[in-house]
């Protein structure tokens, strides 16, 4: 995975190389075999379901580049996907066939939100045609629950997409961009230091 570069609106983008794409597909296949061995069936079947693993690989790379203390749990044993500076972070990655836009929705399956174990949510989008992974930003679980809208099975999530299962959707434009989100998590640990988001942490 190559290093991320910022966009004008604060998102971070990278072009995954062939090795990274293969790693994501291998991780997804391995987890599916493990789940089937336990008698667990996936709710979704798609050739692109591995984008969730791609998002985790990219998120992990970004945190490493920023020298941020974190653990990558990968959702194993129902643990949150990541622990970042002591915060339980759920990561959700979608894919699109068009360029990422600010009017996209960040989506969390209702069953995942019901667990109430995540304290933060972070979102990414993989642009299939251009092979770009976009880190969109994050939001506290409390804020997500306050502002998200429930979408039942079969109802539209966007202009061309319908929910396959009950989900909660949140406006991407309301997310804290990656650097700003990371600053908010760091505030209580990095008192008296500055972040690239421009805030001085007191």
Protein backbone atom coordinates (compact mmCIF):
# COMPACT_ATOMS: atom_id res chain seq x y z
CA UNK A 1 0.00 0.00 0.00
CA UNK A 2 1.44 3.33 -1.07
CA UNK A 3 1.39 6.36 1.24
CA UNK A 4 -1.78 8.47 1.38
CA UNK A 5 -2.00 12.01 0.02
CA UNK A 6 -4.59 14.62 1.05
CA UNK A 7 -7.37 16.02 -1.11
CA UNK A 8 -8.72 19.57 -0.98
CA UNK A 9 -11.55 18.53 1.33
CA UNK A 10 -9.29 16.69 3.75
CA UNK A 11 -9.83 13.11 2.60
CA UNK A 12 -6.80 10.89 2.15
CA UNK A 13 -6.29 8.86 -1.04
CA UNK A 14 -3.94 6.10 -2.13
CA UNK A 15 -3.67 3.75 -5.11
CA UNK A 16 -3.41 0.16 -3.82
CA UNK A 17 -0.82 -1.88 -5.68
CA UNK A 18 -1.40 -5.43 -6.91
CA UNK A 19 0.17 -6.98 -3.80
CA UNK A 20 -2.16 -5.02 -1.52
CA UNK A 21 -5.24 -6.01 -3.51
CA UNK A 22 -4.16 -9.67 -3.40
CA UNK A 23 -3.60 -9.46 0.36
CA UNK A 24 -7.10 -8.05 0.88
CA UNK A 25 -8.65 -10.83 -1.19
CA UNK A 26 -6.66 -13.48 0.68
CA UNK A 27 -7.72 -12.10 4.07
CA UNK A 28 -11.36 -12.09 3.03
CA UNK A 29 -11.20 -15.66 1.69
CA UNK A 30 -9.48 -16.87 4.86
CA UNK A 31 -12.12 -15.26 7.08
CA UNK A 32 -14.93 -16.74 5.00
CA UNK A 33 -13.47 -20.24 5.33
CA UNK A 34 -13.16 -19.75 9.08
CA UNK A 35 -16.74 -18.51 9.36
CA UNK A 36 -18.12 -21.42 7.34
CA UNK A 37 -16.17 -23.81 9.56
CA UNK A 38 -18.04 -22.34 12.51
CA UNK A 39 -21.35 -22.64 10.68
CA UNK A 40 -21.65 -18.88 10.12
CA UNK A 41 -22.97 -17.66 6.79
CA UNK A 42 -22.22 -14.25 5.37
CA UNK A 43 -25.15 -11.91 4.77
CA UNK A 44 -23.56 -10.72 1.56
CA UNK A 45 -22.07 -12.53 -1.38
CA UNK A 46 -20.13 -10.39 -3.82
CA UNK A 47 -16.87 -10.46 -5.73
CA UNK A 48 -16.04 -7.13 -4.08
CA UNK A 49 -16.69 -7.98 -0.44
CA UNK A 50 -12.93 -7.96 0.11
CA UNK A 51 -12.95 -4.16 -0.01
CA UNK A 52 -13.63 -4.26 3.73
CA UNK A 53 -10.26 -5.95 4.20
CA UNK A 54 -8.68 -3.44 1.82
CA UNK A 55 -10.03 -0.62 3.97
CA UNK A 56 -8.52 -2.20 7.08
CA UNK A 57 -5.13 -2.59 5.38
CA UNK A 58 -5.19 1.05 4.29
CA UNK A 59 -6.33 2.33 7.69
CA UNK A 60 -3.60 0.32 9.41
CA UNK A 61 -1.00 1.73 7.00
CA UNK A 62 -2.13 5.29 7.66
CA UNK A 63 -1.96 4.83 11.44
CA UNK A 64 1.53 3.35 11.11
CA UNK A 65 2.61 6.30 8.94
CA UNK A 66 1.32 8.67 11.62
CA UNK A 67 3.06 6.65 14.40
CA UNK A 68 -0.27 6.22 16.18
CA UNK A 69 -0.59 3.56 18.88
CA UNK A 70 -3.19 1.04 17.77
CA UNK A 71 -4.18 -2.62 17.63
CA UNK A 72 -5.69 -4.22 14.54
CA UNK A 73 -8.24 -6.75 15.78
CA UNK A 74 -9.92 -7.25 12.42
CA UNK A 75 -13.27 -7.93 14.08
CA UNK A 76 -12.00 -11.27 15.42
CA UNK A 77 -14.03 -12.75 18.31
CA UNK A 78 -16.46 -9.85 17.97
CA UNK A 79 -13.81 -7.33 19.02
CA UNK A 80 -13.95 -3.89 17.35
CA UNK A 81 -11.92 -3.73 14.14
CA UNK A 82 -9.30 -1.45 15.73
CA UNK A 83 -8.28 -0.04 19.06
CA UNK A 84 -6.84 3.43 18.42
CA UNK A 85 -5.38 5.37 21.35
CA UNK A 86 -7.64 3.36 23.64
CA UNK A 87 -10.79 3.94 21.55
CA UNK A 88 -12.82 1.07 20.09
CA UNK A 89 -13.06 1.89 16.38
CA UNK A 90 -15.32 0.20 13.86
CA UNK A 91 -14.17 0.59 10.23
CA UNK A 92 -16.61 0.44 7.34
CA UNK A 93 -15.54 0.45 3.69
CA UNK A 94 -17.88 0.66 0.71
CA UNK A 95 -17.09 0.65 -2.99
CA UNK A 96 -18.31 2.76 -5.86
CA UNK A 97 -17.93 2.78 -9.63
CA UNK A 98 -17.71 6.57 -9.66
CA UNK A 99 -15.49 9.13 -7.93
CA UNK A 100 -16.18 9.67 -4.23
CA UNK A 101 -18.50 12.60 -3.55
CA UNK A 102 -19.41 14.58 -0.46
CA UNK A 103 -23.08 13.63 -0.90
CA UNK A 104 -22.30 9.93 -0.39
CA UNK A 105 -23.55 8.17 2.73
CA UNK A 106 -21.52 6.38 5.38
CA UNK A 107 -23.36 3.19 6.32
CA UNK A 108 -23.32 0.90 9.36
CA UNK A 109 -25.41 -2.31 9.45
CA UNK A 110 -28.10 -2.08 12.13
CA UNK A 111 -26.90 -5.28 13.81
CA UNK A 112 -23.43 -3.76 14.24
CA UNK A 113 -24.78 -0.55 15.73
CA UNK A 114 -26.95 -2.53 18.13
CA UNK A 115 -23.83 -4.08 19.71
CA UNK A 116 -22.87 -0.65 21.07
CA UNK A 117 -19.27 -1.73 21.61
CA UNK A 118 -17.65 0.78 19.27
CA UNK A 119 -16.94 4.26 20.64
CA UNK A 120 -15.86 5.60 17.22
CA UNK A 121 -16.67 4.87 13.58
CA UNK A 122 -14.36 5.45 10.62
CA UNK A 123 -15.28 5.20 6.94
CA UNK A 124 -13.54 4.58 3.63
CA UNK A 125 -14.56 4.16 0.00
CA UNK A 126 -12.86 2.16 -2.73
CA UNK A 127 -13.26 3.52 -6.24
CA UNK A 128 -13.29 0.41 -8.42
CA UNK A 129 -12.69 2.01 -11.80
CA UNK A 130 -9.81 4.27 -10.74
CA UNK A 131 -8.37 1.87 -8.13
CA UNK A 132 -8.35 4.54 -5.41
CA UNK A 133 -8.88 3.95 -1.70
CA UNK A 134 -10.30 7.04 -0.02
CA UNK A 135 -10.19 7.50 3.75
CA UNK A 136 -13.23 9.69 4.36
CA UNK A 137 -13.07 10.36 8.09
CA UNK A 138 -14.59 9.40 11.40
CA UNK A 139 -17.21 10.27 13.96
CA UNK A 140 -17.98 9.33 17.54
CA UNK A 141 -20.51 6.54 17.98
CA UNK A 142 -22.65 8.91 20.03
CA UNK A 143 -22.73 11.53 17.29
CA UNK A 144 -23.42 8.86 14.66
CA UNK A 145 -26.46 7.59 16.59
CA UNK A 146 -27.75 11.15 16.99
CA UNK A 147 -27.56 12.08 13.31
CA UNK A 148 -27.88 8.79 11.39
CA UNK A 149 -31.04 7.78 9.55
CA UNK A 150 -32.47 4.24 9.66
CA UNK A 151 -32.94 2.51 6.30
CA UNK A 152 -34.85 -0.76 6.21
CA UNK A 153 -34.29 -3.66 3.80
CA UNK A 154 -35.21 -2.70 0.24
CA UNK A 155 -35.26 1.03 0.89
CA UNK A 156 -32.91 3.32 -1.06
CA UNK A 157 -29.55 4.26 0.44
CA UNK A 158 -28.68 6.49 -2.52
CA UNK A 159 -29.84 7.20 -6.06
CA UNK A 160 -28.94 3.72 -7.36
CA UNK A 161 -28.48 1.55 -4.24
CA UNK A 162 -30.97 -0.22 -2.00
CA UNK A 163 -30.29 -1.68 1.43
CA UNK A 164 -29.87 -5.47 1.44
CA UNK A 165 -30.28 -5.49 5.21
CA UNK A 166 -31.35 -2.85 7.75
CA UNK A 167 -28.68 -0.13 8.04
CA UNK A 168 -28.07 3.30 9.49
CA UNK A 169 -26.74 5.96 7.12
CA UNK A 170 -24.82 9.14 7.91
CA UNK A 171 -23.91 12.03 5.61
CA UNK A 172 -20.24 11.81 4.57
CA UNK A 173 -20.10 15.61 4.65
CA UNK A 174 -20.64 15.48 8.44
CA UNK A 175 -17.63 13.27 9.12
CA UNK A 176 -14.47 14.70 10.66
CA UNK A 177 -11.73 14.42 8.02
CA UNK A 178 -9.07 11.83 8.93
CA UNK A 179 -6.45 14.19 10.40
CA UNK A 180 -9.03 16.17 12.36
CA UNK A 181 -10.64 12.97 13.64
CA UNK A 182 -7.25 11.70 14.78
CA UNK A 183 -6.58 14.99 16.53
CA UNK A 184 -9.83 14.64 18.46
CA UNK A 185 -8.76 11.20 19.69
CA UNK A 186 -5.30 12.47 20.57
CA UNK A 187 -6.40 15.56 22.47
CA UNK A 188 -6.45 13.98 25.91
CA UNK A 189 -3.11 12.19 25.32
CA UNK A 190 -1.11 14.89 23.54
CA UNK A 191 -1.83 17.93 25.71
CA UNK A 192 0.21 20.96 24.67
CA UNK A 193 1.08 19.70 21.18
CA UNK A 194 -0.21 20.76 17.79
CA UNK A 195 -1.99 18.70 15.15
CA UNK A 196 -2.09 19.12 11.38
CA UNK A 197 -5.78 19.92 11.75
CA UNK A 198 -4.64 23.32 13.06
CA UNK A 199 -5.95 22.87 16.60
CA UNK A 200 -3.70 23.51 19.59
CA UNK A 201 -4.33 20.87 22.20
CA UNK A 202 -4.48 22.38 25.68
